[in-house]
Amino acid sequence: MTRRYLTVLFLILMFASAVMGGLLWHLRNRAHQRLLTGQESTPTQAPAVAPVEQATLFVANDAEDSLEPRTLTLPLPASPPERARAVLGKLFDLYAAQGSTHPVPGGAASIKQVFLLPVSRPQASGPNPAKAPVEPKDAPQLAVVNLSGSFAFTHPSGIEAETLTMISICATLHANLPSVAQVRFLVDGQTRNTLAGHADLSRTYLTADAAATTIPISGAKP
């Protein structure tokens, strides 16, 4: 009797296990189908792409010690700081490319950030000097260009090569963001005396002066 009872119990357990297994398999399939249905019903969104516009880059030419304006079509973000970083990144990509007229390694990754700040003005005077004037949209700006340490470390040393790099950056910024009147440089977020031993990074550069430098500049200091 006991043996027969155990056999029946065993068969009941086997049947229950089979039923549970089938139920779990069915639930798993339903969950999988619901997941697929949800994925198919979710609209596919293309990644945001900046509109393509024309940009003027002032490309350095070591053979002639000069800058050459070059117009290219690039995706340019609407944000002025990102736009500035984009045009400088393309300029640096040209310098890092094979056959460059101004070979400098690093490419676009050498531009870590570009910050745009209002150019400081003298303190207002008069009956209410504490009230700051409203800055117009085309008010002059200071661009702070933060270069990577590896770019400064690998940049060719020499007054001509370093000067060409500095003024090409300033002229390119001025051509694409006319409100940028001044430029200062940082390296890895820190001030630095020179780029690679010669070009002064401790000073403020005037973009209008750099933009006018399209003739040979050998021996000149920006």
N, C-alpha and C. Protein backbone atom coordinates (compact mmCIF):
# COMPACT_ATOMS: atom_id res chain seq x y z
N MET A 1 0.84 -1.21 0.00
CA MET A 1 0.00 0.00 0.00
C MET A 1 0.87 1.25 0.00
N THR A 2 1.87 1.18 0.79
CA THR A 2 2.77 2.34 0.87
C THR A 2 3.48 2.54 -0.44
N ARG A 3 3.91 1.46 -1.05
CA ARG A 3 4.62 1.56 -2.33
C ARG A 3 3.71 2.15 -3.40
N ARG A 4 2.44 1.71 -3.41
CA ARG A 4 1.49 2.24 -4.38
C ARG A 4 1.23 3.72 -4.13
N TYR A 5 1.16 4.10 -2.89
CA TYR A 5 0.95 5.51 -2.52
C TYR A 5 2.11 6.38 -3.00
N LEU A 6 3.32 5.91 -2.85
CA LEU A 6 4.50 6.66 -3.29
C LEU A 6 4.53 6.80 -4.80
N THR A 7 4.12 5.76 -5.47
CA THR A 7 4.10 5.81 -6.94
C THR A 7 3.11 6.87 -7.43
N VAL A 8 1.92 6.88 -6.82
CA VAL A 8 0.90 7.87 -7.19
C VAL A 8 1.39 9.28 -6.89
N LEU A 9 2.01 9.45 -5.75
CA LEU A 9 2.53 10.76 -5.36
C LEU A 9 3.60 11.22 -6.34
N PHE A 10 4.47 10.30 -6.75
CA PHE A 10 5.52 10.61 -7.70
C PHE A 10 4.94 11.07 -9.03
N LEU A 11 3.89 10.33 -9.48
CA LEU A 11 3.27 10.70 -10.75
C LEU A 11 2.59 12.07 -10.67
N ILE A 12 1.97 12.35 -9.52
CA ILE A 12 1.33 13.66 -9.34
C ILE A 12 2.37 14.78 -9.39
N LEU A 13 3.50 14.56 -8.72
CA LEU A 13 4.57 15.57 -8.72
C LEU A 13 5.14 15.76 -10.12
N MET A 14 5.31 14.67 -10.87
CA MET A 14 5.82 14.78 -12.23
C MET A 14 4.84 15.59 -13.10
N PHE A 15 3.55 15.32 -12.93
CA PHE A 15 2.54 16.04 -13.70
C PHE A 15 2.54 17.53 -13.35
N ALA A 16 2.64 17.82 -12.04
CA ALA A 16 2.67 19.22 -11.60
C ALA A 16 3.90 19.94 -12.14
N SER A 17 5.03 19.24 -12.15
CA SER A 17 6.26 19.84 -12.67
C SER A 17 6.12 20.15 -14.15
N ALA A 18 5.51 19.22 -14.90
CA ALA A 18 5.32 19.45 -16.34
C ALA A 18 4.41 20.64 -16.59
N VAL A 19 3.33 20.73 -15.77
CA VAL A 19 2.40 21.86 -15.93
C VAL A 19 3.09 23.17 -15.61
N MET A 20 3.86 23.21 -14.54
CA MET A 20 4.57 24.44 -14.16
C MET A 20 5.59 24.83 -15.23
N GLY A 21 6.30 23.83 -15.76
CA GLY A 21 7.27 24.12 -16.81
C GLY A 21 6.61 24.71 -18.04
N GLY A 22 5.48 24.14 -18.44
CA GLY A 22 4.76 24.67 -19.59
C GLY A 22 4.25 26.07 -19.35
N LEU A 23 3.77 26.33 -18.14
CA LEU A 23 3.26 27.67 -17.81
C LEU A 23 4.38 28.70 -17.84
N LEU A 24 5.54 28.34 -17.28
CA LEU A 24 6.68 29.27 -17.28
C LEU A 24 7.14 29.56 -18.70
N TRP A 25 7.16 28.53 -19.54
CA TRP A 25 7.57 28.71 -20.94
C TRP A 25 6.61 29.64 -21.65
N HIS A 26 5.29 29.49 -21.38
CA HIS A 26 4.28 30.34 -22.00
C HIS A 26 4.42 31.79 -21.55
N LEU A 27 4.63 31.99 -20.24
CA LEU A 27 4.80 33.35 -19.71
C LEU A 27 6.05 34.01 -20.28
N ARG A 28 7.12 33.22 -20.43
CA ARG A 28 8.36 33.76 -20.99
C ARG A 28 8.14 34.23 -22.43
N ASN A 29 7.44 33.44 -23.23
CA ASN A 29 7.17 33.83 -24.61
C ASN A 29 6.31 35.08 -24.69
N ARG A 30 5.32 35.19 -23.80
CA ARG A 30 4.45 36.38 -23.80
C ARG A 30 5.25 37.63 -23.46
N ALA A 31 6.14 37.51 -22.46
CA ALA A 31 6.97 38.66 -22.07
C ALA A 31 7.89 39.06 -23.21
N HIS A 32 8.45 38.07 -23.91
CA HIS A 32 9.36 38.37 -25.03
C HIS A 32 8.61 39.08 -26.15
N GLN A 33 7.40 38.61 -26.47
CA GLN A 33 6.61 39.24 -27.52
C GLN A 33 6.21 40.66 -27.16
N ARG A 34 5.88 40.88 -25.89
CA ARG A 34 5.52 42.23 -25.45
C ARG A 34 6.72 43.16 -25.57
N LEU A 35 7.91 42.65 -25.26
CA LEU A 35 9.11 43.47 -25.36
C LEU A 35 9.37 43.85 -26.81
N LEU A 36 9.23 42.88 -27.73
CA LEU A 36 9.45 43.16 -29.14
C LEU A 36 8.41 44.16 -29.67
N THR A 37 7.18 44.00 -29.24
CA THR A 37 6.13 44.91 -29.68
C THR A 37 6.40 46.33 -29.20
N GLY A 38 6.88 46.45 -27.96
CA GLY A 38 7.20 47.77 -27.43
C GLY A 38 8.34 48.42 -28.18
N GLN A 39 9.36 47.62 -28.57
CA GLN A 39 10.49 48.17 -29.32
C GLN A 39 10.06 48.64 -30.69
N GLU A 40 9.17 47.88 -31.34
CA GLU A 40 8.76 48.24 -32.68
C GLU A 40 7.87 49.48 -32.68
N SER A 41 7.09 49.66 -31.59
CA SER A 41 6.18 50.81 -31.53
C SER A 41 6.87 52.09 -31.14
N THR A 42 8.12 51.99 -30.59
CA THR A 42 8.85 53.19 -30.19
C THR A 42 9.41 53.87 -31.43
N PRO A 43 9.08 55.13 -31.67
CA PRO A 43 9.59 55.80 -32.87
C PRO A 43 11.10 55.95 -32.82
N THR A 44 11.74 55.70 -33.96
CA THR A 44 13.18 55.83 -34.05
C THR A 44 13.55 57.29 -34.24
N GLN A 45 14.41 57.81 -33.39
CA GLN A 45 14.82 59.21 -33.46
C GLN A 45 16.26 59.27 -33.93
N ALA A 46 16.48 60.02 -34.99
CA ALA A 46 17.84 60.19 -35.49
C ALA A 46 18.62 61.09 -34.55
N PRO A 47 19.91 60.84 -34.39
CA PRO A 47 20.72 61.71 -33.53
C PRO A 47 20.76 63.13 -34.07
N ALA A 48 20.81 64.06 -33.13
CA ALA A 48 20.83 65.46 -33.53
C ALA A 48 22.10 65.76 -34.32
N VAL A 49 21.95 66.40 -35.48
CA VAL A 49 23.09 66.74 -36.33
C VAL A 49 23.06 68.24 -36.56
N ALA A 50 24.21 68.88 -36.37
CA ALA A 50 24.28 70.32 -36.57
C ALA A 50 24.10 70.64 -38.05
N PRO A 51 23.42 71.74 -38.36
CA PRO A 51 23.25 72.12 -39.77
C PRO A 51 24.58 72.44 -40.43
N VAL A 52 24.65 72.15 -41.72
CA VAL A 52 25.88 72.38 -42.47
C VAL A 52 25.92 73.84 -42.92
N GLU A 53 27.04 74.49 -42.66
CA GLU A 53 27.22 75.89 -43.04
C GLU A 53 28.64 76.09 -43.55
N GLN A 54 28.85 77.24 -44.17
CA GLN A 54 30.19 77.58 -44.63
C GLN A 54 30.99 78.22 -43.50
N ALA A 55 32.25 77.85 -43.42
CA ALA A 55 33.15 78.42 -42.42
C ALA A 55 34.46 78.80 -43.10
N THR A 56 35.03 79.89 -42.65
CA THR A 56 36.31 80.34 -43.20
C THR A 56 37.41 80.04 -42.18
N LEU A 57 38.37 79.24 -42.59
CA LEU A 57 39.51 78.91 -41.75
C LEU A 57 40.75 79.62 -42.27
N PHE A 58 41.53 80.17 -41.38
CA PHE A 58 42.80 80.77 -41.76
C PHE A 58 43.90 79.74 -41.48
N VAL A 59 44.34 79.10 -42.55
CA VAL A 59 45.26 77.97 -42.45
C VAL A 59 46.70 78.44 -42.59
N ALA A 60 47.54 78.05 -41.65
CA ALA A 60 48.95 78.45 -41.66
C ALA A 60 49.71 77.71 -42.76
N ASN A 61 50.65 78.42 -43.35
CA ASN A 61 51.52 77.85 -44.39
C ASN A 61 52.96 78.09 -43.99
N ASP A 62 53.65 77.03 -43.58
CA ASP A 62 55.02 77.16 -43.11
C ASP A 62 55.97 77.60 -44.22
N ALA A 63 55.73 77.17 -45.44
CA ALA A 63 56.64 77.48 -46.54
C ALA A 63 56.68 78.97 -46.84
N GLU A 64 55.55 79.65 -46.63
CA GLU A 64 55.47 81.08 -46.93
C GLU A 64 55.35 81.94 -45.68
N ASP A 65 55.35 81.30 -44.49
CA ASP A 65 55.17 82.03 -43.23
C ASP A 65 53.96 82.95 -43.29
N SER A 66 52.81 82.39 -43.67
CA SER A 66 51.63 83.21 -43.87
C SER A 66 50.37 82.43 -43.53
N LEU A 67 49.24 83.12 -43.54
CA LEU A 67 47.93 82.51 -43.37
C LEU A 67 47.18 82.56 -44.70
N GLU A 68 46.46 81.49 -45.00
CA GLU A 68 45.69 81.42 -46.23
C GLU A 68 44.22 81.17 -45.87
N PRO A 69 43.30 82.07 -46.22
CA PRO A 69 41.88 81.82 -45.94
C PRO A 69 41.36 80.67 -46.79
N ARG A 70 40.62 79.76 -46.16
CA ARG A 70 40.07 78.61 -46.86
C ARG A 70 38.62 78.43 -46.41
N THR A 71 37.70 78.41 -47.37
CA THR A 71 36.28 78.26 -47.06
C THR A 71 35.87 76.80 -47.21
N LEU A 72 35.29 76.25 -46.14
CA LEU A 72 34.86 74.86 -46.11
C LEU A 72 33.41 74.79 -45.65
N THR A 73 32.74 73.69 -46.00
CA THR A 73 31.37 73.45 -45.54
C THR A 73 31.43 72.47 -44.38
N LEU A 74 30.94 72.90 -43.20
CA LEU A 74 31.05 72.10 -41.98
C LEU A 74 29.73 72.07 -41.23
N PRO A 75 29.47 71.01 -40.46
CA PRO A 75 28.34 71.05 -39.52
C PRO A 75 28.70 71.94 -38.34
N LEU A 76 27.93 73.00 -38.14
CA LEU A 76 28.26 73.98 -37.11
C LEU A 76 27.11 74.09 -36.10
N PRO A 77 27.38 73.84 -34.83
CA PRO A 77 26.34 73.97 -33.79
C PRO A 77 25.87 75.41 -33.66
N ALA A 78 24.68 75.57 -33.12
CA ALA A 78 24.13 76.92 -32.93
C ALA A 78 24.80 77.64 -31.77
N SER A 79 25.23 76.89 -30.74
CA SER A 79 25.86 77.50 -29.57
C SER A 79 27.20 78.10 -29.97
N PRO A 80 27.42 79.40 -29.72
CA PRO A 80 28.68 80.04 -30.12
C PRO A 80 29.93 79.34 -29.57
N PRO A 81 29.98 78.93 -28.29
CA PRO A 81 31.19 78.23 -27.82
C PRO A 81 31.43 76.91 -28.56
N GLU A 82 30.36 76.15 -28.82
CA GLU A 82 30.51 74.90 -29.56
C GLU A 82 30.87 75.15 -31.01
N ARG A 83 30.34 76.23 -31.58
CA ARG A 83 30.70 76.60 -32.95
C ARG A 83 32.18 76.94 -33.02
N ALA A 84 32.66 77.70 -32.05
CA ALA A 84 34.08 78.05 -32.02
C ALA A 84 34.95 76.80 -31.90
N ARG A 85 34.53 75.87 -31.05
CA ARG A 85 35.29 74.62 -30.90
C ARG A 85 35.27 73.81 -32.18
N ALA A 86 34.14 73.82 -32.91
CA ALA A 86 34.02 73.05 -34.14
C ALA A 86 34.97 73.57 -35.22
N VAL A 87 35.01 74.89 -35.41
CA VAL A 87 35.87 75.43 -36.47
C VAL A 87 37.34 75.27 -36.11
N LEU A 88 37.68 75.43 -34.84
CA LEU A 88 39.08 75.22 -34.44
C LEU A 88 39.45 73.74 -34.53
N GLY A 89 38.50 72.86 -34.22
CA GLY A 89 38.76 71.43 -34.35
C GLY A 89 39.07 71.06 -35.79
N LYS A 90 38.31 71.62 -36.74
CA LYS A 90 38.58 71.36 -38.16
C LYS A 90 39.93 71.92 -38.57
N LEU A 91 40.26 73.10 -38.07
CA LEU A 91 41.57 73.70 -38.36
C LEU A 91 42.69 72.79 -37.88
N PHE A 92 42.55 72.26 -36.68
CA PHE A 92 43.58 71.38 -36.14
C PHE A 92 43.62 70.03 -36.85
N ASP A 93 42.46 69.58 -37.35
CA ASP A 93 42.45 68.35 -38.15
C ASP A 93 43.25 68.55 -39.44
N LEU A 94 43.15 69.74 -40.04
CA LEU A 94 43.94 70.03 -41.24
C LEU A 94 45.44 70.02 -40.92
N TYR A 95 45.79 70.54 -39.75
CA TYR A 95 47.20 70.56 -39.37
C TYR A 95 47.74 69.15 -39.11
N ALA A 96 46.89 68.26 -38.63
CA ALA A 96 47.33 66.90 -38.31
C ALA A 96 47.28 65.97 -39.52
N ALA A 97 46.68 66.43 -40.63
CA ALA A 97 46.53 65.57 -41.81
C ALA A 97 47.85 65.43 -42.56
N GLN A 98 47.94 64.34 -43.30
CA GLN A 98 49.14 64.11 -44.11
C GLN A 98 49.24 65.17 -45.19
N GLY A 99 50.44 65.69 -45.40
CA GLY A 99 50.66 66.72 -46.40
C GLY A 99 50.25 68.11 -45.95
N SER A 100 50.07 68.31 -44.64
CA SER A 100 49.65 69.60 -44.11
C SER A 100 50.69 70.68 -44.41
N THR A 101 50.20 71.90 -44.67
CA THR A 101 51.10 73.03 -44.88
C THR A 101 51.67 73.56 -43.56
N HIS A 102 51.13 73.04 -42.46
CA HIS A 102 51.60 73.45 -41.12
C HIS A 102 51.44 72.23 -40.21
N PRO A 103 52.33 71.24 -40.36
CA PRO A 103 52.15 69.97 -39.64
C PRO A 103 52.28 70.12 -38.13
N VAL A 104 51.16 69.84 -37.44
CA VAL A 104 51.12 69.83 -35.99
C VAL A 104 50.25 68.65 -35.56
N PRO A 105 50.74 67.74 -34.74
CA PRO A 105 49.92 66.59 -34.34
C PRO A 105 48.83 66.98 -33.34
N GLY A 106 47.85 66.09 -33.22
CA GLY A 106 46.82 66.28 -32.19
C GLY A 106 45.41 66.30 -32.74
N GLY A 107 45.16 67.07 -33.80
CA GLY A 107 43.83 67.13 -34.38
C GLY A 107 42.82 67.82 -33.48
N ALA A 108 41.54 67.57 -33.76
CA ALA A 108 40.45 68.27 -33.06
C ALA A 108 40.46 68.02 -31.57
N ALA A 109 40.97 66.87 -31.12
CA ALA A 109 41.00 66.57 -29.69
C ALA A 109 41.88 67.54 -28.92
N SER A 110 42.72 68.30 -29.62
CA SER A 110 43.59 69.27 -28.94
C SER A 110 42.82 70.46 -28.40
N ILE A 111 41.61 70.70 -28.91
CA ILE A 111 40.75 71.78 -28.40
C ILE A 111 39.85 71.19 -27.34
N LYS A 112 40.16 71.41 -26.07
CA LYS A 112 39.37 70.83 -24.99
C LYS A 112 38.08 71.61 -24.75
N GLN A 113 38.17 72.91 -24.65
CA GLN A 113 36.99 73.76 -24.49
C GLN A 113 37.28 75.14 -25.06
N VAL A 114 36.19 75.85 -25.40
CA VAL A 114 36.27 77.26 -25.75
C VAL A 114 35.20 77.98 -24.94
N PHE A 115 35.60 78.97 -24.18
CA PHE A 115 34.67 79.76 -23.37
C PHE A 115 34.59 81.17 -23.96
N LEU A 116 33.39 81.73 -24.02
CA LEU A 116 33.19 83.09 -24.50
C LEU A 116 32.71 83.95 -23.36
N LEU A 117 33.44 85.03 -23.10
CA LEU A 117 33.14 85.94 -21.99
C LEU A 117 33.06 87.36 -22.52
N PRO A 118 32.25 88.20 -21.88
CA PRO A 118 32.21 89.60 -22.30
C PRO A 118 33.55 90.28 -22.00
N VAL A 119 33.96 91.13 -22.90
CA VAL A 119 35.20 91.87 -22.68
C VAL A 119 34.95 92.85 -21.54
N SER A 120 35.85 92.83 -20.57
CA SER A 120 35.68 93.71 -19.40
C SER A 120 35.80 95.16 -19.83
N ARG A 121 34.92 95.97 -19.26
CA ARG A 121 34.90 97.39 -19.57
C ARG A 121 35.18 98.20 -18.30
N PRO A 122 35.59 99.46 -18.45
CA PRO A 122 35.81 100.30 -17.26
C PRO A 122 34.53 100.44 -16.45
N GLN A 123 34.68 100.58 -15.14
CA GLN A 123 33.53 100.74 -14.25
C GLN A 123 32.74 101.99 -14.61
N ALA A 124 31.43 101.84 -14.68
CA ALA A 124 30.57 102.97 -15.06
C ALA A 124 30.68 104.08 -14.02
N SER A 125 30.56 105.31 -14.50
CA SER A 125 30.59 106.46 -13.61
C SER A 125 29.34 107.28 -13.82
N GLY A 126 29.05 108.17 -12.91
CA GLY A 126 27.86 108.99 -13.06
C GLY A 126 26.99 108.88 -11.83
N PRO A 127 25.72 109.29 -11.95
CA PRO A 127 24.83 109.29 -10.77
C PRO A 127 24.51 107.90 -10.26
N ASN A 128 24.57 106.87 -11.13
CA ASN A 128 24.24 105.52 -10.68
C ASN A 128 25.26 104.53 -11.23
N PRO A 129 26.50 104.57 -10.73
CA PRO A 129 27.56 103.72 -11.29
C PRO A 129 27.34 102.24 -11.01
N ALA A 130 26.50 101.91 -10.02
CA ALA A 130 26.32 100.50 -9.67
C ALA A 130 25.48 99.76 -10.71
N LYS A 131 24.69 100.50 -11.51
CA LYS A 131 23.84 99.86 -12.51
C LYS A 131 24.65 99.53 -13.74
N ALA A 132 24.79 98.22 -14.04
CA ALA A 132 25.59 97.79 -15.18
C ALA A 132 24.81 97.98 -16.47
N PRO A 133 25.46 98.46 -17.53
CA PRO A 133 24.76 98.65 -18.81
C PRO A 133 24.42 97.30 -19.44
N VAL A 134 23.35 97.26 -20.21
CA VAL A 134 22.95 96.04 -20.90
C VAL A 134 23.86 95.85 -22.11
N GLU A 135 24.47 94.66 -22.20
CA GLU A 135 25.38 94.38 -23.29
C GLU A 135 24.59 94.08 -24.57
N PRO A 136 24.90 94.76 -25.68
CA PRO A 136 24.23 94.42 -26.95
C PRO A 136 24.68 93.04 -27.43
N LYS A 137 23.91 92.48 -28.37
CA LYS A 137 24.21 91.13 -28.87
C LYS A 137 25.57 91.06 -29.54
N ASP A 138 25.98 92.15 -30.19
CA ASP A 138 27.26 92.16 -30.89
C ASP A 138 28.38 92.75 -30.05
N ALA A 139 28.21 92.77 -28.73
CA ALA A 139 29.25 93.30 -27.84
C ALA A 139 30.51 92.46 -27.98
N PRO A 140 31.68 93.07 -27.89
CA PRO A 140 32.93 92.32 -28.04
C PRO A 140 33.07 91.25 -26.96
N GLN A 141 33.65 90.13 -27.36
CA GLN A 141 33.81 89.01 -26.46
C GLN A 141 35.27 88.57 -26.38
N LEU A 142 35.57 87.94 -25.26
CA LEU A 142 36.88 87.32 -25.05
C LEU A 142 36.70 85.81 -25.17
N ALA A 143 37.46 85.19 -26.06
CA ALA A 143 37.44 83.74 -26.19
C ALA A 143 38.61 83.16 -25.39
N VAL A 144 38.30 82.23 -24.50
CA VAL A 144 39.32 81.52 -23.74
C VAL A 144 39.42 80.12 -24.33
N VAL A 145 40.54 79.84 -24.97
CA VAL A 145 40.75 78.56 -25.65
C VAL A 145 41.60 77.66 -24.76
N ASN A 146 41.02 76.55 -24.35
CA ASN A 146 41.73 75.60 -23.48
C ASN A 146 42.31 74.49 -24.34
N LEU A 147 43.63 74.48 -24.49
CA LEU A 147 44.33 73.48 -25.29
C LEU A 147 44.72 72.29 -24.42
N SER A 148 44.92 71.14 -25.06
CA SER A 148 45.35 69.96 -24.31
C SER A 148 46.85 70.03 -24.04
N GLY A 149 47.27 69.42 -22.96
CA GLY A 149 48.69 69.39 -22.63
C GLY A 149 49.50 68.64 -23.66
N SER A 150 48.93 67.58 -24.24
CA SER A 150 49.65 66.81 -25.26
C SER A 150 49.91 67.64 -26.51
N PHE A 151 48.97 68.54 -26.84
CA PHE A 151 49.17 69.40 -28.00
C PHE A 151 50.36 70.32 -27.77
N ALA A 152 50.40 70.96 -26.61
CA ALA A 152 51.52 71.86 -26.31
C ALA A 152 52.83 71.09 -26.24
N PHE A 153 52.80 69.86 -25.71
CA PHE A 153 54.01 69.07 -25.56
C PHE A 153 54.59 68.64 -26.91
N THR A 154 53.71 68.33 -27.87
CA THR A 154 54.18 67.81 -29.16
C THR A 154 54.28 68.88 -30.24
N HIS A 155 53.89 70.12 -29.93
CA HIS A 155 53.94 71.17 -30.95
C HIS A 155 55.38 71.47 -31.34
N PRO A 156 55.67 71.59 -32.63
CA PRO A 156 57.05 71.95 -33.06
C PRO A 156 57.49 73.26 -32.42
N SER A 157 58.70 73.26 -31.93
CA SER A 157 59.23 74.45 -31.27
C SER A 157 59.87 75.38 -32.29
N GLY A 158 59.61 76.68 -32.12
CA GLY A 158 60.17 77.67 -33.03
C GLY A 158 59.24 78.87 -33.10
N ILE A 159 59.81 80.06 -33.21
CA ILE A 159 59.01 81.28 -33.19
C ILE A 159 58.03 81.32 -34.35
N GLU A 160 58.47 80.92 -35.57
CA GLU A 160 57.56 81.00 -36.72
C GLU A 160 56.42 80.00 -36.59
N ALA A 161 56.74 78.73 -36.26
CA ALA A 161 55.71 77.70 -36.19
C ALA A 161 54.69 78.01 -35.09
N GLU A 162 55.17 78.43 -33.93
CA GLU A 162 54.25 78.71 -32.82
C GLU A 162 53.41 79.94 -33.09
N THR A 163 54.03 80.97 -33.67
CA THR A 163 53.30 82.20 -33.99
C THR A 163 52.20 81.93 -35.00
N LEU A 164 52.50 81.12 -36.02
CA LEU A 164 51.50 80.79 -37.03
C LEU A 164 50.30 80.08 -36.40
N THR A 165 50.56 79.18 -35.47
CA THR A 165 49.46 78.48 -34.81
C THR A 165 48.58 79.45 -34.04
N MET A 166 49.19 80.34 -33.28
CA MET A 166 48.43 81.28 -32.46
C MET A 166 47.57 82.21 -33.32
N ILE A 167 48.17 82.82 -34.33
CA ILE A 167 47.40 83.79 -35.10
C ILE A 167 46.39 83.11 -36.00
N SER A 168 46.64 81.85 -36.41
CA SER A 168 45.63 81.14 -37.21
C SER A 168 44.39 80.86 -36.37
N ILE A 169 44.58 80.55 -35.10
CA ILE A 169 43.45 80.35 -34.19
C ILE A 169 42.65 81.64 -34.04
N CYS A 170 43.36 82.72 -33.77
CA CYS A 170 42.69 84.02 -33.56
C CYS A 170 41.95 84.48 -34.82
N ALA A 171 42.60 84.37 -35.98
CA ALA A 171 41.97 84.81 -37.23
C ALA A 171 40.76 83.95 -37.58
N THR A 172 40.83 82.65 -37.32
CA THR A 172 39.71 81.75 -37.61
C THR A 172 38.53 82.07 -36.70
N LEU A 173 38.79 82.32 -35.43
CA LEU A 173 37.72 82.70 -34.51
C LEU A 173 37.04 83.99 -34.96
N HIS A 174 37.84 84.97 -35.35
CA HIS A 174 37.29 86.27 -35.75
C HIS A 174 36.46 86.14 -37.02
N ALA A 175 36.88 85.27 -37.94
CA ALA A 175 36.17 85.11 -39.21
C ALA A 175 34.80 84.48 -39.03
N ASN A 176 34.67 83.60 -38.05
CA ASN A 176 33.43 82.87 -37.87
C ASN A 176 32.57 83.38 -36.72
N LEU A 177 33.17 84.08 -35.79
CA LEU A 177 32.44 84.73 -34.71
C LEU A 177 32.98 86.16 -34.59
N PRO A 178 32.48 87.08 -35.42
CA PRO A 178 33.03 88.44 -35.47
C PRO A 178 33.03 89.16 -34.13
N SER A 179 32.16 88.74 -33.20
CA SER A 179 32.13 89.41 -31.90
C SER A 179 33.35 89.07 -31.05
N VAL A 180 34.07 88.01 -31.41
CA VAL A 180 35.27 87.66 -30.64
C VAL A 180 36.38 88.63 -30.99
N ALA A 181 36.70 89.50 -30.06
CA ALA A 181 37.71 90.53 -30.28
C ALA A 181 39.05 90.19 -29.64
N GLN A 182 39.02 89.34 -28.61
CA GLN A 182 40.24 89.00 -27.89
C GLN A 182 40.29 87.50 -27.63
N VAL A 183 41.50 86.98 -27.50
CA VAL A 183 41.68 85.55 -27.24
C VAL A 183 42.77 85.37 -26.19
N ARG A 184 42.48 84.50 -25.24
CA ARG A 184 43.49 84.07 -24.28
C ARG A 184 43.56 82.55 -24.32
N PHE A 185 44.71 82.01 -23.89
CA PHE A 185 44.94 80.58 -23.99
C PHE A 185 45.24 79.96 -22.63
N LEU A 186 44.71 78.76 -22.44
CA LEU A 186 45.04 77.92 -21.30
C LEU A 186 45.54 76.58 -21.84
N VAL A 187 46.27 75.86 -21.01
CA VAL A 187 46.71 74.50 -21.36
C VAL A 187 46.29 73.60 -20.21
N ASP A 188 45.39 72.66 -20.50
CA ASP A 188 44.81 71.79 -19.48
C ASP A 188 44.21 72.62 -18.33
N GLY A 189 43.60 73.75 -18.70
CA GLY A 189 42.93 74.59 -17.72
C GLY A 189 43.84 75.48 -16.90
N GLN A 190 45.13 75.50 -17.22
CA GLN A 190 46.09 76.29 -16.46
C GLN A 190 46.78 77.30 -17.36
N THR A 191 47.21 78.42 -16.76
CA THR A 191 47.99 79.39 -17.53
C THR A 191 49.37 78.81 -17.83
N ARG A 192 49.95 79.27 -18.92
CA ARG A 192 51.25 78.75 -19.36
C ARG A 192 52.00 79.90 -20.02
N ASN A 193 53.30 79.95 -19.82
CA ASN A 193 54.09 81.07 -20.34
C ASN A 193 54.19 81.05 -21.86
N THR A 194 54.51 79.89 -22.43
CA THR A 194 54.68 79.79 -23.88
C THR A 194 54.01 78.53 -24.40
N LEU A 195 53.84 78.48 -25.71
CA LEU A 195 53.26 77.28 -26.32
C LEU A 195 54.28 76.14 -26.33
N ALA A 196 55.43 76.38 -26.97
CA ALA A 196 56.48 75.36 -27.01
C ALA A 196 57.84 76.00 -26.84
N GLY A 197 57.87 77.07 -26.03
CA GLY A 197 59.14 77.74 -25.74
C GLY A 197 59.27 79.12 -26.34
N HIS A 198 58.33 79.54 -27.21
CA HIS A 198 58.48 80.82 -27.89
C HIS A 198 57.21 81.68 -27.87
N ALA A 199 56.13 81.23 -28.50
CA ALA A 199 54.90 82.04 -28.58
C ALA A 199 54.33 82.29 -27.19
N ASP A 200 54.07 83.54 -26.89
CA ASP A 200 53.62 83.97 -25.57
C ASP A 200 52.16 83.58 -25.34
N LEU A 201 51.92 82.77 -24.32
CA LEU A 201 50.55 82.39 -23.97
C LEU A 201 50.02 83.18 -22.77
N SER A 202 50.84 84.05 -22.21
CA SER A 202 50.41 84.80 -21.03
C SER A 202 49.72 86.11 -21.39
N ARG A 203 49.70 86.45 -22.67
CA ARG A 203 49.12 87.73 -23.11
C ARG A 203 47.74 87.51 -23.70
N THR A 204 47.06 88.62 -23.95
CA THR A 204 45.77 88.62 -24.64
C THR A 204 46.00 88.98 -26.10
N TYR A 205 45.49 88.15 -27.02
CA TYR A 205 45.65 88.38 -28.45
C TYR A 205 44.44 89.14 -28.99
N LEU A 206 44.68 90.05 -29.92
CA LEU A 206 43.61 90.79 -30.59
C LEU A 206 43.32 90.12 -31.93
N THR A 207 42.07 89.70 -32.12
CA THR A 207 41.74 88.94 -33.32
C THR A 207 41.80 89.78 -34.59
N ALA A 208 41.50 91.07 -34.49
CA ALA A 208 41.54 91.93 -35.67
C ALA A 208 42.95 92.00 -36.23
N ASP A 209 43.95 92.04 -35.36
CA ASP A 209 45.34 92.07 -35.81
C ASP A 209 45.71 90.75 -36.49
N ALA A 210 45.25 89.65 -35.91
CA ALA A 210 45.58 88.34 -36.49
C ALA A 210 44.90 88.15 -37.84
N ALA A 211 43.66 88.61 -37.98
CA ALA A 211 42.93 88.43 -39.22
C ALA A 211 43.58 89.20 -40.37
N ALA A 212 44.29 90.27 -40.05
CA ALA A 212 44.94 91.06 -41.09
C ALA A 212 46.28 90.47 -41.51
N THR A 213 46.74 89.44 -40.80
CA THR A 213 48.06 88.86 -41.07
C THR A 213 47.94 87.74 -42.09
N THR A 214 47.88 88.10 -43.36
CA THR A 214 47.86 87.10 -44.43
C THR A 214 49.11 87.21 -45.31
N ILE A 215 50.03 88.09 -44.91
CA ILE A 215 51.29 88.24 -45.63
C ILE A 215 52.38 87.55 -44.82
N PRO A 216 53.55 87.29 -45.39
CA PRO A 216 54.61 86.61 -44.63
C PRO A 216 54.91 87.32 -43.33
N ILE A 217 55.08 86.53 -42.25
CA ILE A 217 55.27 87.10 -40.93
C ILE A 217 56.57 86.63 -40.28
N SER A 218 57.51 86.17 -41.05
CA SER A 218 58.74 85.61 -40.52
C SER A 218 59.40 86.59 -39.58
N GLY A 219 59.67 86.11 -38.36
CA GLY A 219 60.36 86.92 -37.36
C GLY A 219 59.43 87.83 -36.60
N ALA A 220 58.16 87.91 -36.98
CA ALA A 220 57.24 88.80 -36.29
C ALA A 220 56.65 88.12 -35.09
N LYS A 221 56.29 88.90 -34.11
CA LYS A 221 55.63 88.40 -32.91
C LYS A 221 54.21 88.89 -32.91
N PRO A 222 53.20 87.99 -32.77
CA PRO A 222 51.80 88.41 -32.84
C PRO A 222 51.43 89.34 -31.73
